[in-house]
């Protein structure tokens, strides 16, 4: 009797468990079906969903349009807006025409232009040699990365810059330099040195670096398109010991989700660099702290100026770092255009990449950099340590390779020393004694272009 009772109880328990499991499975299926039908999330899922949408919108707005108060430096101090306007428009000098602006790598957002103006431009009825036209484009907020401040009479009174100044370009769909925005793409046309050289009042830079105007302009002139020195105002090293430029090529700000360290020598993460650049390079009003830079031997300028512990008041940067980071991590590496590489060769090249060439040991798919600490000694990379030694790390980062095709202009590595992918492959073939055949090198190059 007791045995029978145990069996009955067991069956009841089993049935209860089975029914419970069935109900749970059914509930899961119902939830899944609801999500498939586009039903709105509820509970904390809704909080996550709403937060992600908010941060995405805010982050894009910050990346594209927030100056962080940098107009106090670029406009009020350097008076760069006066150089843009020119004497005829209440400024100084000859002014900056749209043709000149485009020639130094500035870009125009096509979506910010009214249809009537687009038609006038197509018909050749817009004077692209007149600085007044540049001011009109600034009033439309169409110059990527620059915001002009105007008084009630339409006169420009100051200007600030945004993240998009260096880290966005356009697709040239209307004309060279005029098109739809490409956020996160490195603007390798941008000649920052030439633009800064136009400033009527370079005193903030000459005082900081302890040099005369002629020396400052020589250094700025050495940079060229797509190159910027983010350490000059920290260590004062204007040129390499061999006399070559000390700047590094502008890195892309896309395809960084999952990537640990950012920039060539891995100072810190993406959000570290957002604070560093916003507060100390863009000269916005914000907070940045890194005690490593308070070293009078390695960073004499930063140690003296106190930029290692920047405390701008009010802080217009810190509250925006989270949304800015969120948006940047959402920017994917762009897919290469159809026909831009040989698919059959790329398929063979993948095999070379994963095995004989040893690329995959550091460039781990799909991040194409190491998960974790992605830094290497200069000797491992086979290049000199000069730029690495300007960093607290004294090392070089394994650069992510996804979207590599989109930033080939200006060369590869931190200083653009290798003009082509083929040059990079030849470098490693010799350094690692790979003994790749000419066919393997060509195939590997096509694979890299396909990422």
Protein backbone atom coordinates (compact mmCIF):
# COMPACT_ATOMS: atom_id res chain seq x y z
CA UNK A 1 0.00 0.00 0.00
CA UNK A 2 2.82 2.37 0.94
CA UNK A 3 4.58 1.58 -2.32
CA UNK A 4 1.42 2.34 -4.28
CA UNK A 5 1.02 5.61 -2.37
CA UNK A 6 4.60 6.61 -3.23
CA UNK A 7 3.95 5.90 -6.89
CA UNK A 8 0.78 8.00 -6.87
CA UNK A 9 2.51 10.88 -5.09
CA UNK A 10 5.41 10.63 -7.55
CA UNK A 11 3.04 10.78 -10.48
CA UNK A 12 1.28 13.81 -9.02
CA UNK A 13 4.58 15.61 -8.42
CA UNK A 14 5.79 14.70 -11.90
CA UNK A 15 2.56 15.93 -13.41
CA UNK A 16 2.84 19.21 -11.48
CA UNK A 17 6.41 19.70 -12.60
CA UNK A 18 5.49 18.81 -16.18
CA UNK A 19 2.55 21.22 -16.16
CA UNK A 20 4.75 23.93 -14.64
CA UNK A 21 7.41 23.37 -17.26
CA UNK A 22 4.77 23.38 -19.98
CA UNK A 23 3.32 26.64 -18.65
CA UNK A 24 6.79 28.20 -18.48
CA UNK A 25 7.60 27.08 -22.01
CA UNK A 26 4.27 28.39 -23.22
CA UNK A 27 4.91 31.70 -21.48
CA UNK A 28 8.31 31.91 -23.08
CA UNK A 29 6.81 31.18 -26.48
CA UNK A 30 4.15 33.84 -25.89
CA UNK A 31 6.83 36.36 -24.92
CA UNK A 32 8.88 35.47 -27.96
CA UNK A 33 5.84 35.76 -30.22
CA UNK A 34 5.01 39.14 -28.68
CA UNK A 35 8.52 40.38 -29.33
CA UNK A 36 8.31 39.10 -32.90
CA UNK A 37 5.08 41.02 -33.36
CA UNK A 38 6.82 44.20 -32.22
CA UNK A 39 5.18 44.39 -28.81
CA UNK A 40 6.74 47.01 -26.54
CA UNK A 41 9.04 45.65 -23.81
CA UNK A 42 7.81 45.95 -20.25
CA UNK A 43 9.33 46.14 -16.78
CA UNK A 44 13.07 46.65 -16.58
CA UNK A 45 13.38 45.56 -20.22
CA UNK A 46 11.49 48.75 -21.07
CA UNK A 47 13.91 50.79 -18.96
CA UNK A 48 16.86 49.27 -20.86
CA UNK A 49 15.20 49.83 -24.22
CA UNK A 50 14.28 53.44 -23.46
CA UNK A 51 17.72 54.18 -22.06
CA UNK A 52 19.47 52.78 -25.14
CA UNK A 53 17.32 54.87 -27.48
CA UNK A 54 17.92 58.00 -25.42
CA UNK A 55 21.68 57.48 -25.23
CA UNK A 56 21.91 56.78 -28.94
CA UNK A 57 20.14 60.02 -29.85
CA UNK A 58 22.01 62.08 -27.27
CA UNK A 59 25.34 60.54 -28.25
CA UNK A 60 24.87 61.33 -31.92
CA UNK A 61 23.90 64.90 -31.10
CA UNK A 62 26.97 65.30 -28.86
CA UNK A 63 29.33 63.74 -31.41
CA UNK A 64 28.06 65.92 -34.23
CA UNK A 65 27.21 69.23 -32.62
CA UNK A 66 28.50 69.69 -29.05
CA UNK A 67 31.41 72.12 -28.72
CA UNK A 68 31.86 71.49 -24.96
CA UNK A 69 32.39 75.25 -24.66
CA UNK A 70 35.47 75.14 -26.92
CA UNK A 71 34.45 78.45 -28.50
CA UNK A 72 36.12 80.17 -25.54
CA UNK A 73 39.45 78.93 -26.96
CA UNK A 74 39.08 78.69 -30.75
CA UNK A 75 37.02 81.84 -31.05
CA UNK A 76 37.45 84.10 -28.05
CA UNK A 77 41.17 83.34 -27.50
CA UNK A 78 42.61 82.37 -30.90
CA UNK A 79 40.14 84.58 -32.81
CA UNK A 80 39.96 81.95 -35.56
CA UNK A 81 36.45 83.05 -36.52
CA UNK A 82 37.88 86.41 -37.60
CA UNK A 83 40.28 84.69 -39.99
CA UNK A 84 37.35 82.78 -41.48
CA UNK A 85 35.21 85.91 -41.92
CA UNK A 86 37.93 88.09 -43.41
CA UNK A 87 38.25 91.86 -43.17
CA UNK A 88 35.33 92.55 -45.54
CA UNK A 89 33.01 90.68 -43.18
CA UNK A 90 34.22 92.24 -39.94
CA UNK A 91 37.13 89.86 -39.39
CA UNK A 92 40.81 89.90 -40.27
CA UNK A 93 42.81 89.13 -43.39
CA UNK A 94 41.46 87.79 -46.64
CA UNK A 95 39.00 85.33 -45.11
CA UNK A 96 38.37 81.67 -45.87
CA UNK A 97 36.30 80.88 -48.97
CA UNK A 98 34.47 77.57 -49.40
CA UNK A 99 37.12 76.51 -51.95
CA UNK A 100 39.86 77.18 -49.40
CA UNK A 101 37.92 75.43 -46.64
CA UNK A 102 37.44 72.35 -48.82
CA UNK A 103 41.11 72.40 -49.80
CA UNK A 104 42.17 72.04 -46.15
CA UNK A 105 39.78 69.13 -45.64
CA UNK A 106 36.70 70.72 -44.14
CA UNK A 107 33.47 69.00 -45.18
CA UNK A 108 29.90 70.15 -45.84
CA UNK A 109 26.85 68.19 -44.64
CA UNK A 110 24.51 67.91 -47.62
CA UNK A 111 21.48 67.20 -45.42
CA UNK A 112 21.88 70.59 -43.73
CA UNK A 113 21.54 72.50 -47.01
CA UNK A 114 18.09 73.67 -48.23
CA UNK A 115 17.02 72.33 -51.62
CA UNK A 116 17.07 75.82 -53.14
CA UNK A 117 20.74 76.24 -52.22
CA UNK A 118 21.62 72.81 -53.61
CA UNK A 119 20.03 73.78 -56.92
CA UNK A 120 21.89 77.10 -56.99
CA UNK A 121 25.15 75.24 -56.37
CA UNK A 122 24.37 72.81 -59.20
CA UNK A 123 23.65 75.76 -61.50
CA UNK A 124 26.94 77.42 -60.56
CA UNK A 125 25.18 80.40 -58.99
CA UNK A 126 26.96 80.21 -55.64
CA UNK A 127 30.28 82.03 -55.30
CA UNK A 128 32.63 79.48 -53.77
CA UNK A 129 35.48 82.01 -53.75
CA UNK A 130 33.71 84.37 -51.34
CA UNK A 131 34.25 84.06 -47.55
CA UNK A 132 30.69 85.37 -47.11
CA UNK A 133 29.50 82.05 -48.57
CA UNK A 134 31.49 80.21 -45.87
CA UNK A 135 29.71 82.28 -43.22
CA UNK A 136 26.36 81.41 -44.80
CA UNK A 137 27.26 77.71 -44.63
CA UNK A 138 28.21 78.10 -40.97
CA UNK A 139 24.86 79.79 -40.26
CA UNK A 140 23.19 76.68 -41.68
CA UNK A 141 25.29 74.54 -39.30
CA UNK A 142 26.45 72.60 -42.33
CA UNK A 143 30.25 72.68 -41.90
CA UNK A 144 31.07 69.31 -40.33
CA UNK A 145 32.75 69.68 -36.97
CA UNK A 146 32.52 73.49 -36.66
CA UNK A 147 29.88 75.68 -35.08
CA UNK A 148 29.82 79.42 -35.68
CA UNK A 149 28.29 81.79 -33.12
CA UNK A 150 26.46 84.79 -34.60
CA UNK A 151 24.91 87.93 -33.11
CA UNK A 152 21.43 89.22 -33.89
CA UNK A 153 22.80 91.16 -36.86
CA UNK A 154 24.24 88.03 -38.42
CA UNK A 155 27.87 88.82 -37.62
CA UNK A 156 30.08 85.93 -36.51
CA UNK A 157 31.30 86.43 -32.94
CA UNK A 158 33.05 83.14 -32.11
CA UNK A 159 33.39 79.49 -33.15
CA UNK A 160 33.84 76.08 -31.54
CA UNK A 161 34.64 72.58 -32.75
CA UNK A 162 33.15 69.13 -32.24
CA UNK A 163 34.26 65.48 -32.24
CA UNK A 164 33.15 65.33 -35.87
CA UNK A 165 35.86 67.85 -36.80
CA UNK A 166 38.49 65.08 -37.01
CA UNK A 167 36.38 61.94 -36.84
CA UNK A 168 33.75 62.44 -39.53
CA UNK A 169 33.81 62.96 -43.25
CA UNK A 170 31.20 62.87 -46.04
CA UNK A 171 30.47 60.52 -48.91
CA UNK A 172 31.12 63.15 -51.64
CA UNK A 173 27.71 62.32 -53.13
CA UNK A 174 27.09 65.94 -54.21
CA UNK A 175 30.65 67.06 -54.95
CA UNK A 176 34.11 66.47 -53.49
CA UNK A 177 33.87 67.42 -49.82
CA UNK A 178 30.08 67.82 -49.95
CA UNK A 179 27.79 64.90 -49.14
CA UNK A 180 26.11 62.88 -46.43
CA UNK A 181 27.87 62.47 -43.10
CA UNK A 182 30.04 59.46 -42.36
CA UNK A 183 30.40 59.53 -38.58
CA UNK A 184 33.45 57.87 -37.09
CA UNK A 185 35.44 57.90 -40.33
CA UNK A 186 38.89 59.45 -39.95
CA UNK A 187 39.09 62.70 -41.91
CA UNK A 188 42.45 62.09 -43.57
CA UNK A 189 41.94 65.23 -45.70
CA UNK A 190 41.80 67.55 -42.70
CA UNK A 191 44.84 69.79 -42.37
CA UNK A 192 44.54 70.84 -38.72
CA UNK A 193 47.93 72.54 -38.74
CA UNK A 194 47.04 74.76 -41.70
CA UNK A 195 43.73 75.72 -40.07
CA UNK A 196 45.29 76.59 -36.70
CA UNK A 197 48.00 78.61 -38.48
CA UNK A 198 45.30 81.03 -39.65
CA UNK A 199 44.56 82.15 -36.07
CA UNK A 200 45.10 85.92 -35.68
CA UNK A 201 46.17 85.36 -32.07
CA UNK A 202 48.47 82.32 -31.68
CA UNK A 203 49.59 83.52 -28.23
CA UNK A 204 47.80 80.75 -26.27
CA UNK A 205 49.96 78.20 -28.12
CA UNK A 206 53.23 80.14 -28.14
CA UNK A 207 52.94 80.89 -24.42
CA UNK A 208 52.13 77.27 -23.58
CA UNK A 209 55.01 75.84 -25.61
CA UNK A 210 57.48 78.64 -24.96
CA UNK A 211 58.23 79.24 -28.66
CA UNK A 212 57.92 82.12 -31.10
CA UNK A 213 55.28 82.35 -33.82
CA UNK A 214 57.67 81.30 -36.60
CA UNK A 215 58.57 78.09 -34.75
CA UNK A 216 54.92 77.34 -34.02
CA UNK A 217 53.97 77.75 -37.69
CA UNK A 218 56.88 75.54 -38.78
CA UNK A 219 55.60 72.75 -36.54
CA UNK A 220 51.98 73.19 -37.61
CA UNK A 221 53.11 73.23 -41.23
CA UNK A 222 54.88 69.90 -40.80
CA UNK A 223 51.67 68.02 -40.01
CA UNK A 224 49.94 68.02 -43.38
CA UNK A 225 46.55 66.45 -44.18
CA UNK A 226 45.14 63.83 -41.81
CA UNK A 227 47.80 64.23 -39.12
CA UNK A 228 47.53 65.71 -35.61
CA UNK A 229 49.80 65.76 -32.57
CA UNK A 230 47.77 65.11 -29.41
CA UNK A 231 50.88 64.98 -27.21
CA UNK A 232 52.58 68.23 -28.26
CA UNK A 233 50.84 70.23 -25.53
CA UNK A 234 51.93 67.61 -22.97
CA UNK A 235 55.59 66.87 -23.80
CA UNK A 236 56.55 69.76 -26.11
CA UNK A 237 58.17 67.43 -28.66
CA UNK A 238 57.47 69.26 -31.88
CA UNK A 239 59.54 67.09 -34.23
CA UNK A 240 61.18 63.69 -34.18
CA UNK A 241 64.94 63.53 -33.52
CA UNK A 242 65.43 62.89 -37.25
CA UNK A 243 63.56 66.11 -38.06
CA UNK A 244 60.43 64.40 -39.35
CA UNK A 245 56.94 65.33 -38.19
CA UNK A 246 55.86 64.21 -34.72
CA UNK A 247 52.12 64.02 -35.38
CA UNK A 248 50.15 60.79 -35.81
CA UNK A 249 47.55 60.04 -38.47
CA UNK A 250 43.98 60.62 -37.35
CA UNK A 251 42.52 57.25 -36.28
CA UNK A 252 38.98 56.14 -37.10
CA UNK A 253 36.37 56.23 -34.33
CA UNK A 254 34.31 53.33 -35.65
CA UNK A 255 34.23 49.55 -35.21
CA UNK A 256 35.41 49.95 -31.60
CA UNK A 257 32.77 47.88 -29.79
CA UNK A 258 34.61 45.19 -27.83
CA UNK A 259 38.00 46.85 -28.35
CA UNK A 260 39.95 47.60 -25.19
CA UNK A 261 42.45 50.41 -25.75
CA UNK A 262 42.07 53.25 -28.23
CA UNK A 263 44.61 55.18 -30.33
CA UNK A 264 48.06 54.15 -31.47
CA UNK A 265 49.87 53.81 -28.16
CA UNK A 266 46.99 52.78 -25.92
CA UNK A 267 46.92 55.63 -23.37
CA UNK A 268 43.45 54.49 -22.39
CA UNK A 269 39.99 53.43 -23.47
CA UNK A 270 37.63 55.14 -25.89
CA UNK A 271 35.97 57.15 -23.13
CA UNK A 272 39.38 58.10 -21.66
CA UNK A 273 40.26 59.67 -24.99
CA UNK A 274 36.91 61.40 -25.22
CA UNK A 275 37.67 63.20 -21.95
CA UNK A 276 41.32 63.81 -22.91
CA UNK A 277 40.43 65.32 -26.28
CA UNK A 278 37.35 67.27 -25.19
CA UNK A 279 39.06 68.94 -22.23
CA UNK A 280 42.69 69.30 -23.37
CA UNK A 281 42.77 69.19 -27.21
CA UNK A 282 39.45 70.72 -28.16
CA UNK A 283 39.91 72.97 -25.11
CA UNK A 284 36.34 72.52 -23.96
CA UNK A 285 35.31 73.27 -20.40
CA UNK A 286 35.47 69.95 -18.58
CA UNK A 287 37.28 67.54 -16.31
CA UNK A 288 40.23 65.35 -17.24
CA UNK A 289 42.57 63.59 -14.82
CA UNK A 290 45.62 61.40 -15.38
CA UNK A 291 48.40 61.59 -12.79
CA UNK A 292 50.74 59.78 -15.20
CA UNK A 293 51.01 63.02 -17.13
CA UNK A 294 52.20 64.92 -14.05
CA UNK A 295 55.79 63.94 -14.82
CA UNK A 296 58.13 66.88 -15.41
CA UNK A 297 60.63 64.64 -17.20
CA UNK A 298 58.32 62.93 -19.69
CA UNK A 299 55.56 65.57 -19.81
CA UNK A 300 57.15 68.92 -18.85
CA UNK A 301 54.44 71.03 -20.53
CA UNK A 302 51.55 69.15 -18.88
CA UNK A 303 53.28 69.17 -15.49
CA UNK A 304 53.75 72.93 -15.72
CA UNK A 305 50.33 73.81 -17.18
CA UNK A 306 48.39 71.40 -14.96
CA UNK A 307 46.49 69.93 -17.93
CA UNK A 308 46.92 66.46 -16.36
CA UNK A 309 44.33 67.65 -13.82
CA UNK A 310 42.00 69.84 -15.88
CA UNK A 311 38.96 71.13 -13.98
CA UNK A 312 36.96 73.36 -16.30
CA UNK A 313 34.10 75.30 -14.73
CA UNK A 314 31.37 74.66 -15.56
CA UNK A 315 32.02 71.04 -16.48
CA UNK A 316 30.43 70.68 -19.93
CA UNK A 317 32.08 67.34 -20.71
CA UNK A 318 31.67 64.71 -17.97
CA UNK A 319 27.88 64.43 -18.10
CA UNK A 320 28.10 63.70 -21.84
CA UNK A 321 30.78 61.00 -21.82
CA UNK A 322 28.39 58.07 -21.33
CA UNK A 323 26.08 58.89 -24.24
CA UNK A 324 29.01 59.83 -26.46
CA UNK A 325 30.70 56.50 -25.69
CA UNK A 326 27.45 54.61 -26.34
CA UNK A 327 27.03 56.20 -29.76
CA UNK A 328 30.63 55.63 -30.80
CA UNK A 329 30.45 51.96 -29.89
CA UNK A 330 27.33 51.67 -32.05
CA UNK A 331 29.17 52.90 -35.16
CA UNK A 332 30.05 49.76 -37.12
CA UNK A 333 33.04 49.23 -39.34
CA UNK A 334 31.80 49.96 -42.88
CA UNK A 335 31.58 47.14 -45.39
CA UNK A 336 33.88 47.50 -48.42
CA UNK A 337 32.17 48.57 -51.66
CA UNK A 338 31.23 45.89 -54.14
CA UNK A 339 34.07 45.30 -56.57
CA UNK A 340 36.71 46.96 -54.39
CA UNK A 341 38.59 43.69 -53.85
CA UNK A 342 39.07 40.31 -55.52
CA UNK A 343 36.77 37.86 -53.70
CA UNK A 344 38.59 34.72 -54.78
CA UNK A 345 41.96 36.17 -53.78
CA UNK A 346 40.50 37.37 -50.47
CA UNK A 347 39.24 33.86 -49.71
CA UNK A 348 42.75 32.50 -50.25
CA UNK A 349 44.19 35.41 -48.30
CA UNK A 350 42.11 34.50 -45.25
CA UNK A 351 43.95 31.19 -45.09
CA UNK A 352 47.29 33.01 -45.26
CA UNK A 353 46.11 35.48 -42.57
CA UNK A 354 45.05 32.68 -40.20
CA UNK A 355 48.11 30.46 -40.64
CA UNK A 356 51.37 31.17 -42.47
CA UNK A 357 51.36 34.97 -42.03
CA UNK A 358 50.57 34.65 -38.29
CA UNK A 359 48.32 37.74 -38.43
CA UNK A 360 45.48 36.09 -36.49
CA UNK A 361 47.64 35.56 -33.41
CA UNK A 362 47.28 39.29 -32.62
CA UNK A 363 44.42 40.37 -34.88
CA UNK A 364 41.87 37.98 -33.40
CA UNK A 365 38.65 37.70 -35.44
CA UNK A 366 36.10 39.27 -35.34
CA UNK A 367 37.60 42.15 -33.30
CA UNK A 368 40.87 41.90 -35.26
CA UNK A 369 42.78 42.99 -32.15
CA UNK A 370 43.47 41.06 -28.94
CA UNK A 371 40.66 40.72 -26.43
CA UNK A 372 42.21 42.10 -23.24
CA UNK A 373 45.45 44.03 -23.10
CA UNK A 374 46.24 44.70 -26.76
CA UNK A 375 49.67 46.32 -26.37
CA UNK A 376 53.06 45.30 -27.74
CA UNK A 377 56.64 46.43 -27.29
CA UNK A 378 58.09 48.32 -30.28
CA UNK A 379 60.54 45.46 -30.85
CA UNK A 380 57.61 43.09 -31.41
CA UNK A 381 56.17 45.42 -34.01
CA UNK A 382 59.54 46.01 -35.63
CA UNK A 383 59.53 49.80 -35.53
CA UNK A 384 61.31 52.46 -33.48
CA UNK A 385 60.04 53.34 -30.01
CA UNK A 386 59.95 57.13 -30.37
CA UNK A 387 56.16 57.54 -30.54
CA UNK A 388 55.57 54.74 -28.04
CA UNK A 389 57.86 56.51 -25.58
CA UNK A 390 55.63 59.59 -25.70
CA UNK A 391 52.93 57.43 -24.14
CA UNK A 392 52.75 56.29 -20.50
CA UNK A 393 52.59 52.75 -21.90
CA UNK A 394 55.81 52.93 -23.98
CA UNK A 395 54.07 50.44 -26.28
CA UNK A 396 51.99 50.22 -29.45
CA UNK A 397 48.42 48.98 -29.69
CA UNK A 398 47.29 46.22 -32.05
CA UNK A 399 45.09 48.25 -34.38
CA UNK A 400 41.65 46.75 -35.20
CA UNK A 401 41.47 45.89 -38.91
CA UNK A 402 37.73 45.89 -39.64
CA UNK A 403 36.91 48.67 -42.10
CA UNK A 404 40.57 49.06 -42.98
CA UNK A 405 39.68 49.95 -46.57
CA UNK A 406 38.01 53.17 -45.32
CA UNK A 407 41.18 54.71 -43.88
CA UNK A 408 43.95 53.83 -46.30
CA UNK A 409 44.62 57.46 -47.26
CA UNK A 410 47.62 58.86 -45.42
CA UNK A 411 49.34 55.53 -44.88
CA UNK A 412 49.42 52.89 -42.19
CA UNK A 413 50.84 52.71 -38.67
CA UNK A 414 50.82 55.62 -36.25
CA UNK A 415 52.80 57.95 -38.50
CA UNK A 416 51.71 56.68 -41.90
CA UNK A 417 55.20 55.31 -42.57
CA UNK A 418 53.85 52.49 -44.73
CA UNK A 419 52.11 53.97 -47.77
CA UNK A 420 50.25 50.80 -48.82
CA UNK A 421 49.00 47.50 -47.43
CA UNK A 422 51.62 45.81 -49.57
CA UNK A 423 54.30 47.77 -47.70
CA UNK A 424 52.92 46.54 -44.36
CA UNK A 425 52.94 42.94 -45.58
CA UNK A 426 56.53 43.27 -46.81
CA UNK A 427 57.53 44.67 -43.41
CA UNK A 428 56.15 41.69 -41.50
CA UNK A 429 57.35 39.21 -44.07
CA UNK A 430 60.89 40.38 -43.35
CA UNK A 431 60.48 40.91 -39.60
CA UNK A 432 58.93 37.49 -38.90
CA UNK A 433 60.80 35.67 -41.69
CA UNK A 434 57.51 34.40 -43.09
CA UNK A 435 58.80 33.70 -46.59
CA UNK A 436 55.45 34.46 -48.19
CA UNK A 437 55.23 33.98 -51.93
CA UNK A 438 54.27 36.93 -54.14
CA UNK A 439 50.88 35.33 -54.71
CA UNK A 440 50.31 34.91 -50.96
CA UNK A 441 51.18 38.56 -50.39
CA UNK A 442 48.69 39.69 -53.03
CA UNK A 443 46.00 37.41 -51.64
CA UNK A 444 46.62 38.64 -48.10
CA UNK A 445 46.30 42.23 -49.27
CA UNK A 446 42.93 41.47 -50.90
CA UNK A 447 41.72 39.81 -47.69
CA UNK A 448 42.68 42.87 -45.63
CA UNK A 449 40.72 45.07 -48.04
CA UNK A 450 37.70 42.81 -47.60
CA UNK A 451 37.42 43.24 -43.82
